[in-house]
Protein backbone atom coordinates (compact mmCIF):
# COMPACT_ATOMS: atom_id res chain seq x y z
CA MET A 1 129.41 108.10 43.50
CA ARG A 2 128.31 104.23 42.83
CA HIS A 3 127.90 104.70 39.16
CA THR A 4 131.10 106.26 38.35
CA VAL A 5 132.82 103.15 40.61
CA LYS A 6 131.02 100.87 38.35
CA LYS A 7 132.12 102.72 35.36
CA THR A 8 135.72 102.73 36.13
CA MET A 9 135.17 98.82 36.99
CA LEU A 10 133.97 98.44 33.62
CA PHE A 11 136.92 99.85 31.79
CA LEU A 12 139.66 98.18 33.77
CA LEU A 13 137.52 94.76 33.24
CA THR A 14 138.12 96.27 29.84
CA PHE A 15 140.99 96.65 29.72
CA VAL A 16 142.33 93.44 30.91
CA LEU A 17 140.53 91.67 28.46
CA PHE A 18 142.29 93.95 25.81
CA VAL A 19 145.83 93.18 27.12
CA SER A 20 145.20 89.43 27.66
CA CYS A 21 144.00 89.25 24.19
CA TRP A 22 146.85 91.22 23.00
CA HIS A 23 149.31 89.58 24.62
CA THR A 24 150.74 85.88 22.76
CA PRO A 25 151.86 83.73 25.64
CA VAL A 26 155.22 82.80 25.03
CA SER A 27 156.27 78.88 25.04
CA ALA A 28 158.44 77.94 27.77
CA GLN A 29 161.73 77.54 27.47
CA THR A 30 164.46 74.53 28.15
CA LYS A 31 168.05 75.40 27.44
CA PHE A 32 170.13 72.75 26.17
CA GLY A 33 174.31 72.28 26.07
CA ARG A 34 176.63 74.94 26.11
CA GLU A 35 174.62 78.52 26.80
CA ASP A 36 176.89 80.54 23.72
CA HIS A 37 175.68 77.68 20.81
CA ALA A 38 178.86 78.00 19.88
CA ILE A 39 179.77 74.51 17.68
CA VAL A 40 183.66 74.07 17.83
CA GLU A 41 186.07 71.64 16.60
CA PRO A 42 187.41 68.79 18.88
CA ALA A 43 190.28 68.98 21.07
CA GLY A 44 193.63 67.16 19.51
CA TYR A 45 192.71 63.55 20.70
CA VAL A 46 192.80 60.61 18.30
CA PRO A 47 189.25 60.28 17.13
CA PRO A 48 187.54 56.86 16.92
CA SER A 49 187.29 55.30 13.55
CA PRO A 50 184.53 57.31 12.13
CA PRO A 51 181.45 55.59 10.04
CA THR A 52 180.50 55.21 6.42
CA VAL A 53 178.28 58.14 5.59
CA ASN A 54 176.21 57.83 2.16
CA SER A 55 174.41 61.49 2.02
CA ASP A 56 176.75 64.05 0.66
CA THR A 57 176.91 66.17 3.19
CA ALA A 58 176.21 65.41 7.02
CA ILE A 59 177.60 66.80 10.67
CA LEU A 60 176.91 65.08 14.13
CA VAL A 61 177.33 68.04 17.00
CA GLU A 62 177.27 67.52 20.71
CA LEU A 63 175.34 70.28 22.21
CA ASN A 64 177.08 70.29 26.26
CA SER A 65 180.49 70.67 24.58
CA GLY A 66 179.50 71.99 20.87
CA VAL A 67 182.16 69.57 19.70
CA ILE A 68 181.59 68.48 16.05
CA LEU A 69 182.08 64.43 16.36
CA TYR A 70 181.54 63.84 12.55
CA LYS A 71 181.27 66.34 9.69
CA LYS A 72 181.13 65.74 6.02
CA ASN A 73 180.56 69.22 3.82
CA MET A 74 179.35 70.78 6.92
CA HIS A 75 179.56 74.28 5.38
CA GLN A 76 178.19 73.32 1.58
CA ARG A 77 175.01 74.74 0.31
CA MET A 78 172.24 72.13 -0.26
CA PHE A 79 168.70 72.21 -0.84
CA PRO A 80 166.88 71.64 2.48
CA ALA A 81 163.14 70.32 1.57
CA SER A 82 160.87 70.04 4.08
CA ILE A 83 163.28 70.38 6.82
CA THR A 84 162.69 73.90 6.35
CA LYS A 85 159.75 73.39 8.33
CA ILE A 86 161.97 73.19 11.46
CA MET A 87 161.96 76.95 11.06
CA THR A 88 158.22 77.80 10.20
CA ALA A 89 157.53 75.86 13.16
CA LEU A 90 159.92 77.87 15.20
CA LEU A 91 158.40 80.89 14.24
CA THR A 92 155.00 80.00 14.76
CA LEU A 93 155.58 79.10 18.41
CA GLU A 94 157.58 82.54 19.02
CA THR A 95 154.29 84.54 17.30
CA CYS A 96 150.89 82.85 17.57
CA SER A 97 149.28 81.62 20.13
CA PHE A 98 147.92 78.34 19.94
CA ASP A 99 144.25 79.03 19.98
CA ASP A 100 144.97 81.60 17.39
CA GLU A 101 142.71 80.62 14.33
CA LEU A 102 144.21 79.53 10.73
CA LEU A 103 142.77 80.02 7.38
CA ILE A 104 143.60 77.66 4.80
CA THR A 105 144.02 79.96 2.06
CA HIS A 106 143.28 80.36 -1.98
CA GLU A 107 146.99 80.80 -2.27
CA SER A 108 147.97 78.22 0.34
CA VAL A 109 146.43 75.69 -1.98
CA THR A 110 146.66 76.99 -5.31
CA ASP A 111 150.40 78.20 -5.35
CA LEU A 112 152.31 75.43 -4.80
CA VAL A 113 154.54 73.47 -7.38
CA TRP A 114 153.18 69.92 -8.61
CA GLY A 115 152.79 67.67 -5.75
CA GLY A 116 153.54 69.83 -3.32
CA ALA A 117 149.45 70.16 -2.00
CA ASP A 118 148.19 67.57 0.08
CA SER A 119 147.01 64.57 -1.51
CA GLN A 120 144.66 63.34 0.41
CA GLY A 121 142.94 65.98 0.01
CA ARG A 122 142.20 66.88 3.65
CA PHE A 123 143.04 70.67 3.27
CA TYR A 124 140.97 72.91 1.19
CA GLU A 125 140.30 76.66 0.63
CA GLY A 126 138.37 78.21 3.31
CA GLN A 127 139.16 75.61 6.04
CA LYS A 128 139.97 77.25 9.51
CA PHE A 129 141.48 75.19 12.85
CA THR A 130 143.80 76.35 15.58
CA VAL A 131 147.35 77.13 15.44
CA ARG A 132 147.71 73.97 17.72
CA ASP A 133 146.33 71.80 14.89
CA GLY A 134 148.21 73.39 12.23
CA LEU A 135 151.50 72.99 13.88
CA TYR A 136 150.80 69.32 14.41
CA ALA A 137 149.82 68.95 10.68
CA LEU A 138 153.33 70.58 9.75
CA CYS A 139 155.36 68.86 11.93
CA LEU A 140 154.15 65.36 12.08
CA ASP A 141 152.70 65.00 8.01
CA SER A 142 154.91 68.08 6.79
CA VAL A 143 152.03 69.81 4.82
CA ASN A 144 152.78 72.24 2.41
CA THR A 145 149.72 74.17 2.34
CA VAL A 146 149.90 74.28 6.21
CA GLY A 147 153.11 75.73 6.04
CA TYR A 148 152.31 78.42 3.65
CA ALA A 149 149.41 79.62 5.59
CA LEU A 150 151.15 79.94 8.73
CA ALA A 151 153.31 82.28 6.75
CA GLN A 152 150.72 84.38 5.45
CA LYS A 153 148.96 84.36 8.91
CA ILE A 154 152.08 85.92 10.46
CA ASP A 155 153.14 88.15 7.90
CA GLY A 156 150.47 88.33 5.24
CA SER A 157 153.32 86.92 2.39
CA LEU A 158 155.37 84.65 1.69
CA GLU A 159 158.22 87.15 1.15
CA GLY A 160 157.49 88.83 4.29
CA PHE A 161 157.63 85.28 6.39
CA ALA A 162 160.86 84.86 4.10
CA GLY A 163 162.51 87.61 5.39
CA ARG A 164 161.16 86.92 8.98
CA MET A 165 162.96 83.50 8.54
CA ASN A 166 166.20 84.99 7.26
CA ALA A 167 166.63 87.54 10.38
CA ARG A 168 166.08 84.84 12.97
CA ALA A 169 168.56 82.00 11.62
CA GLN A 170 171.04 85.19 11.42
CA GLU A 171 170.40 85.41 15.19
CA LEU A 172 170.60 81.42 15.91
CA GLY A 173 174.15 81.86 14.25
CA THR A 174 173.91 80.56 10.44
CA LEU A 175 176.22 81.35 8.08
CA ASN A 176 175.27 80.20 4.68
CA THR A 177 171.18 80.24 4.86
CA THR A 178 168.86 82.14 2.19
CA PHE A 179 165.19 81.14 2.60
CA THR A 180 162.56 81.83 0.44
CA ASN A 181 159.51 80.01 1.60
CA PRO A 182 158.15 78.26 4.66
CA HIS A 183 157.84 74.86 3.18
CA GLY A 184 160.79 74.05 1.59
CA LEU A 185 160.02 73.22 -2.37
CA ASN A 186 161.86 73.77 -4.79
CA ASP A 187 163.64 77.04 -5.53
CA ASP A 188 167.06 77.57 -6.84
CA ALA A 189 168.18 80.49 -3.99
CA HIS A 190 166.31 78.30 -1.08
CA LEU A 191 169.70 76.86 0.37
CA THR A 192 171.23 75.98 3.90
CA THR A 193 173.94 73.59 4.94
CA ALA A 194 174.00 71.33 7.69
CA TYR A 195 176.21 73.38 9.81
CA ASP A 196 173.73 75.88 9.79
CA MET A 197 170.49 73.37 9.95
CA THR A 198 172.19 72.32 13.30
CA LYS A 199 171.88 75.90 14.75
CA ILE A 200 168.08 75.83 13.59
CA LEU A 201 167.38 72.67 15.11
CA TRP A 202 169.18 73.66 18.35
CA GLY A 203 166.96 76.99 18.46
CA ALA A 204 163.99 75.00 17.92
CA ILE A 205 164.30 72.44 20.59
CA GLU A 206 165.00 74.65 23.36
CA ASN A 207 161.18 75.44 22.78
CA ASP A 208 159.32 72.79 24.96
CA ASP A 209 156.53 73.07 22.50
CA TYR A 210 158.20 72.39 19.59
CA ARG A 211 159.85 69.21 21.02
CA VAL A 212 156.40 67.88 22.19
CA ILE A 213 155.00 68.81 18.57
CA ALA A 214 158.25 67.27 16.90
CA GLY A 215 158.02 64.23 18.77
CA THR A 216 154.45 62.97 18.93
CA LYS A 217 153.84 60.02 16.76
CA ASP A 218 150.09 60.58 15.93
CA TYR A 219 147.33 63.66 16.81
CA VAL A 220 143.80 63.63 15.70
CA PHE A 221 141.86 67.24 15.39
CA SER A 222 138.87 68.35 13.61
CA ASP A 223 138.45 71.81 11.50
CA ALA A 224 135.86 74.45 12.67
CA GLU A 225 133.25 72.05 10.39
CA GLY A 226 133.91 69.20 12.02
CA HIS A 227 135.73 67.25 10.07
CA GLU A 228 138.50 64.84 11.62
CA ILE A 229 141.74 64.90 10.63
CA SER A 230 144.95 62.56 11.45
CA CYS A 231 148.33 62.95 11.77
CA HIS A 232 150.80 60.53 11.61
CA HIS A 233 154.59 61.18 12.20
CA ASN A 234 156.20 60.47 8.77
CA TYR A 235 159.43 59.73 10.30
CA GLY A 236 159.74 56.38 11.80
CA VAL A 237 162.66 56.71 14.35
CA LEU A 238 159.52 57.86 15.81
CA GLN A 239 157.46 55.03 15.49
CA ASP A 240 157.86 52.46 17.93
CA ASP A 241 156.54 50.20 15.94
CA SER A 242 158.33 50.60 13.13
CA PRO A 243 161.95 48.74 11.87
CA TYR A 244 163.46 52.38 12.19
CA TYR A 245 162.25 52.98 16.35
CA ASP A 246 165.09 54.86 17.64
CA TRP A 247 164.28 55.05 21.51
CA ARG A 248 166.75 58.07 21.62
CA VAL A 249 165.59 60.17 19.26
CA VAL A 250 163.34 63.04 21.15
CA CYS A 251 162.01 64.70 17.99
CA GLY A 252 163.07 65.08 14.08
CA LYS A 253 161.99 65.92 10.74
CA THR A 254 162.22 64.85 7.46
CA GLY A 255 162.89 66.11 3.78
CA TYR A 256 162.23 65.19 0.25
CA THR A 257 162.38 66.85 -3.29
CA SER A 258 163.59 65.70 -6.75
CA ASP A 259 166.77 68.14 -5.95
CA SER A 260 167.38 67.61 -2.70
CA MET A 261 166.60 63.93 -2.47
CA PHE A 262 166.41 62.99 1.25
CA THR A 263 167.26 64.96 3.82
CA ARG A 264 167.08 64.58 7.87
CA ALA A 265 167.45 66.36 10.67
CA VAL A 266 166.91 64.40 14.27
CA TYR A 267 167.56 65.84 18.50
CA ALA A 268 168.49 62.43 20.46
CA THR A 269 169.69 62.24 24.12
CA ASP A 270 170.84 58.83 26.08
CA GLY A 271 170.51 61.15 29.33
CA ASN A 272 174.26 61.89 28.96
CA LEU A 273 175.07 63.48 25.61
CA ASP A 274 172.98 65.39 23.49
CA LEU A 275 172.98 65.06 19.95
CA ILE A 276 171.92 66.83 16.52
CA CYS A 277 172.45 64.84 13.40
CA VAL A 278 171.84 66.42 9.94
CA THR A 279 172.18 64.80 6.46
CA PHE A 280 171.79 66.20 3.06
CA HIS A 281 170.43 64.53 -0.10
CA ALA A 282 170.96 60.45 0.45
CA ASP A 283 169.63 58.91 -2.47
CA THR A 284 167.18 56.60 -1.26
CA THR A 285 165.25 56.53 2.36
CA GLU A 286 166.92 53.53 3.50
CA LEU A 287 170.32 55.25 3.06
CA ALA A 288 169.01 58.55 4.71
CA TYR A 289 167.63 55.83 7.89
CA GLN A 290 171.23 54.07 7.75
CA ASP A 291 173.10 57.14 7.66
CA VAL A 292 171.19 58.86 10.67
CA LYS A 293 171.73 55.48 12.85
CA ALA A 294 175.12 55.07 11.93
CA LEU A 295 175.89 58.80 13.12
CA LEU A 296 173.89 58.64 16.62
CA ASP A 297 175.56 54.89 17.42
CA TYR A 298 178.88 56.91 16.42
CA GLY A 299 178.59 59.78 18.87
CA PHE A 300 176.95 57.39 22.12
CA ASN A 301 179.10 54.90 21.80
CA ASN A 302 182.55 56.23 21.43
CA TYR A 303 182.02 59.60 23.74
CA SER A 304 181.70 60.84 27.31
CA LEU A 305 181.34 63.58 29.08
CA ILE A 306 183.58 63.76 32.05
CA ASP A 307 184.29 66.00 35.11
CA VAL A 308 186.85 68.63 35.47
CA PRO A 309 189.94 67.28 37.09
CA THR A 310 190.80 68.96 40.86
CA PHE A 311 194.36 70.98 40.90
CA GLY A 312 196.09 69.50 43.64
CA THR A 313 194.20 69.66 47.30
CA ASP A 314 191.17 71.82 46.99
CA GLY A 315 192.74 73.55 44.48
CA THR A 316 196.33 73.91 45.99
CA MET A 317 199.76 72.41 45.80
CA GLU A 318 202.34 72.80 48.44
CA ALA A 319 206.60 72.83 48.87
CA GLN A 320 209.20 73.38 50.95
CA LEU A 321 212.15 75.60 49.83
CA SER A 322 215.14 76.23 51.78
CA ASP A 323 217.74 78.95 50.52
CA PRO A 324 221.08 79.05 52.77
CA VAL A 325 222.86 82.24 51.12
CA LYS A 326 219.97 84.64 52.17
CA GLY A 327 218.85 82.47 55.54
CA VAL A 328 215.47 81.73 54.76
CA ASP A 329 213.02 78.94 54.94
CA SER A 330 210.14 79.60 51.90
CA LYS A 331 206.84 77.42 51.67
CA VAL A 332 205.44 77.73 47.93
CA LEU A 333 201.79 77.51 47.33
CA PHE A 334 200.48 77.17 44.06
CA THR A 335 196.75 78.21 43.66
CA ALA A 336 194.56 77.32 40.63
CA GLY A 337 191.93 79.56 39.51
CA ASP A 338 188.71 78.80 37.85
CA ALA A 339 189.37 75.45 35.47
CA GLU A 340 188.86 76.59 31.80
CA VAL A 341 188.26 74.00 29.67
CA ILE A 342 189.97 74.02 26.58
CA THR A 343 186.61 74.19 23.93
CA GLY A 344 184.60 76.30 25.79
CA ALA A 345 182.07 74.04 27.58
CA ALA A 346 181.74 70.96 29.40
CA LEU A 347 184.60 68.62 28.88
CA LEU A 348 183.84 65.58 25.93
CA VAL A 349 186.38 62.68 25.46
CA PRO A 350 186.44 59.34 23.14
CA ASN A 351 186.04 56.63 25.88
CA THR A 352 189.27 55.67 25.15
CA TYR A 353 190.88 58.29 26.80
CA ARG A 354 188.90 57.62 30.05
CA SER A 355 191.62 55.22 31.16
CA TYR A 356 194.34 57.81 30.96
CA ASP A 357 195.45 59.06 34.23
CA TRP A 358 195.49 63.19 34.33
CA ASN A 359 198.90 64.53 33.87
CA THR A 360 199.46 68.39 35.05
CA ASP A 361 202.06 70.44 33.46
CA LEU A 362 203.19 74.33 34.58
CA THR A 363 203.91 76.51 31.95
CA ILE A 364 204.77 80.29 31.52
CA GLU A 365 202.57 81.87 29.24
CA ASN A 366 203.04 86.26 29.36
CA GLY A 367 204.97 86.56 32.36
CA LYS A 368 202.03 84.41 34.20
CA PHE A 369 201.85 80.73 35.60
CA VAL A 370 199.63 78.70 33.41
CA GLY A 371 198.59 74.99 34.56
CA THR A 372 197.54 72.81 31.90
CA MET A 373 196.14 69.60 32.50
CA SER A 374 195.82 66.66 29.91
CA LEU A 375 194.77 63.26 29.01
CA GLY A 376 196.88 61.03 26.77
CA GLY A 377 199.03 63.92 25.68
CA VAL A 378 195.65 66.22 24.94
CA ASP A 379 195.53 68.98 26.78
CA LEU A 380 192.04 69.58 27.76
CA VAL A 381 191.79 72.05 30.88
CA ARG A 382 193.91 74.96 31.62
CA PHE A 383 194.37 76.99 35.39
CA PRO A 384 195.34 80.29 35.90
CA VAL A 385 198.10 79.79 38.92
CA THR A 386 199.16 81.86 41.46
CA MET A 387 202.34 81.52 43.15
CA THR A 388 202.43 82.30 47.20
CA VAL A 389 205.48 82.60 48.50
CA THR A 390 205.66 82.71 52.75
CA GLU A 391 209.49 83.22 54.01
CA GLU A 392 210.00 82.71 57.62
CA ASN A 393 213.60 83.84 59.03
CA TRP A 394 216.05 81.73 60.39
CA THR A 395 219.91 81.46 61.45
CA HIS A 396 222.12 79.24 59.15
CA PRO A 397 224.81 77.73 61.35
CA SER A 398 227.79 79.01 59.40
CA THR A 399 226.14 82.46 59.48
CA ALA A 400 228.78 85.04 61.86
CA GLU A 401 226.94 86.74 64.97
CA PRO A 402 225.62 89.69 63.50
CA SER A 403 226.76 93.34 64.29
CA SER A 404 225.12 95.19 67.16
CA GLU A 405 223.99 97.74 64.15
CA ASN A 406 222.31 94.24 62.38
CA ARG A 407 220.81 92.80 65.35
CA GLN A 408 219.06 96.31 66.19
CA GLY A 409 217.31 96.25 62.68
CA GLU A 410 216.57 92.63 63.12
CA GLU A 411 214.70 93.11 65.88
CA SER A 412 213.14 96.39 64.97
CA GLU A 413 211.77 94.14 61.81
CA SER A 414 210.94 91.07 63.69
CA GLU A 415 208.34 93.38 66.07
CA ASN A 416 206.91 94.44 62.87
CA GLU A 417 206.63 91.23 60.48
CA THR A 418 207.75 87.64 61.69
CA ALA A 419 206.76 86.09 58.46
CA ARG A 420 207.07 88.28 54.36
CA THR A 421 204.39 86.98 52.14
CA ARG A 422 204.48 87.29 48.33
CA SER A 423 201.77 86.52 46.03
CA VAL A 424 202.71 86.53 42.23
CA ASN A 425 201.21 85.61 38.92
CA SER A 426 204.14 86.19 37.65
CA PHE A 427 207.91 86.52 38.13
CA PRO A 428 209.40 87.97 41.48
CA GLU A 429 209.79 91.86 42.24
CA THR A 430 213.57 91.81 42.45
CA GLU A 431 213.67 95.24 44.41
CA GLY A 432 213.75 95.45 48.24
CA ASP A 433 210.58 96.06 50.64
CA THR A 434 212.16 99.00 52.65
CA GLU A 435 214.82 101.66 51.22
CA GLU A 436 216.54 100.58 54.25
CA GLU A 437 216.32 96.57 53.20
CA GLY A 438 217.59 97.77 49.89
CA LYS A 439 220.89 99.49 51.85
CA GLU A 440 221.77 95.97 53.46
CA GLN A 441 221.56 94.28 50.52
CA LYS A 442 224.15 96.47 49.29
CA GLY A 443 227.30 94.00 51.27
CA SER A 444 225.42 90.92 50.57
CA PRO A 445 225.28 88.59 48.06
CA ILE A 446 223.00 90.32 44.96
CA LEU A 447 219.13 90.23 45.32
CA ASN A 448 218.66 89.68 42.14
CA VAL A 449 220.72 86.42 41.96
CA THR A 450 219.04 85.06 45.44
CA LEU A 451 215.87 85.27 43.81
CA LEU A 452 216.83 83.90 40.66
CA ILE A 453 217.99 80.72 42.41
CA LEU A 454 215.10 80.59 44.29
CA LEU A 455 212.77 80.94 41.21
CA VAL A 456 214.84 77.93 39.28
CA ALA A 457 214.32 75.78 42.59
CA ALA A 458 210.66 76.64 42.58
CA LEU A 459 210.45 75.47 38.59
CA VAL A 460 212.34 72.54 39.17
CA LEU A 461 210.09 71.24 42.22
CA ILE A 462 206.89 72.19 40.18
CA GLY A 463 207.94 70.07 37.19
CA LEU A 464 208.67 67.36 40.06
CA LEU A 465 205.19 67.71 41.36
CA PHE A 466 203.55 68.10 38.04
CA LEU A 467 204.67 65.24 36.00
CA GLN A 468 203.11 62.95 38.98
CA ASN A 469 205.87 60.03 38.45
CA HIS A 470 204.74 59.95 34.71
CA SER A 471 208.63 58.97 32.78
CA LEU A 472 208.74 61.00 29.69
CA LYS A 473 209.07 57.71 27.97
CA LYS A 474 206.30 56.51 29.16
CA ARG A 475 203.98 59.31 27.75
CA LEU A 476 205.97 59.26 24.46
CA ARG A 477 204.89 55.00 24.35
CA ARG A 478 200.86 56.14 25.20
CA LYS A 479 201.33 58.67 22.34
CA LYS A 480 202.64 55.86 19.96
CA ASP A 481 200.12 53.66 21.14
CA ILE A 482 196.95 56.08 20.79
CA ARG A 483 198.10 56.86 17.30
CA GLY A 484 198.48 52.97 16.35
């Protein structure tokens, strides 16, 4: 018995160790921006004057709203150079454990175009160190040999890893990307776009380990034989002793080949906005630095996220109507549903629009009420609106004394219902509540006409409520001022 228990415990311990070795820990994830990662055009506001950008293609996107703040040939396919390694690092983090061993293979040292190997001779065939160390070498010093070795470790070949890269790129929402290698050295088929690299970097920064690694200034490690290797981030915006240092940049990647020229991909935040900036094919490294700074300054200095406005008081507006023909007073409530920002996520506006007052309009779309709120004549928020009409019986002074038959019917109705409430999100129904009520109406003004009068009166009142004391002349003048 004791022997059986001992064997069972040994088996369970072996099984637990096997499972722990087999299971690859997944890096912690932090969501950035809108959940659907959609990149959308801005609302119809007049944007601030854009900066001068020297790179052939570029994009600037605010992640919480997903709004494109700047674009230049954003779907044109370009050589990405080493910003390819953003995808290589992301796949490594999603596939390997930090403590896994990485082997520098013969192919990873020799199968590179001229200039692709590490010029300092720090990496050589047969060398071993951890995947963690390899990721720092990849992201800081952009070591092509390490990228090659990681691809072989994960999929056995560059072709297999390229297939993984392209599949993951599609999952992230890219449209025009084809990767053929893990490092970005020149290949006529290795192409992507500024738009697509925004999607890829967006996915990468949600991996907590990627942000830490790709935003580290310096890193030192030793290989299996005790050789010390120092890595220094080659992007000056992350070096606080560099003239290009930018405290807003969390992480970034540079790239250069003779065909791609200077490429950049950056994630930055000021605590309010989250921006991704991607540029391709600047003629010099100085111009590449200038482009990124100009775009980040443009976004941070000219745009703000603002709160979604409320509809009326606690989401409702109230009005009182009188209908002498029918003999009732009516209280009309307009109740708004959940707000929907036109661009689909957080509400982003140019700073110049923050001084304007919100204006609310009510329209009928497909037979339903819709409230629209705008700033400076630009529709930004929509609310589904339900109109509730509560009718309370009253006696008009000019109404003749009702007959005994009518009085009896009114008393009977009073016992059952002292007020009648109708909630509609479209036009009111025109038929009577009961067959008897329908019969009574034959000798009185046509119900359809009465309801039409009530609806017209309601719409007129709605117009007064939602105009919010802003005359049409003032709104037109504002639009004219905005457009210069």
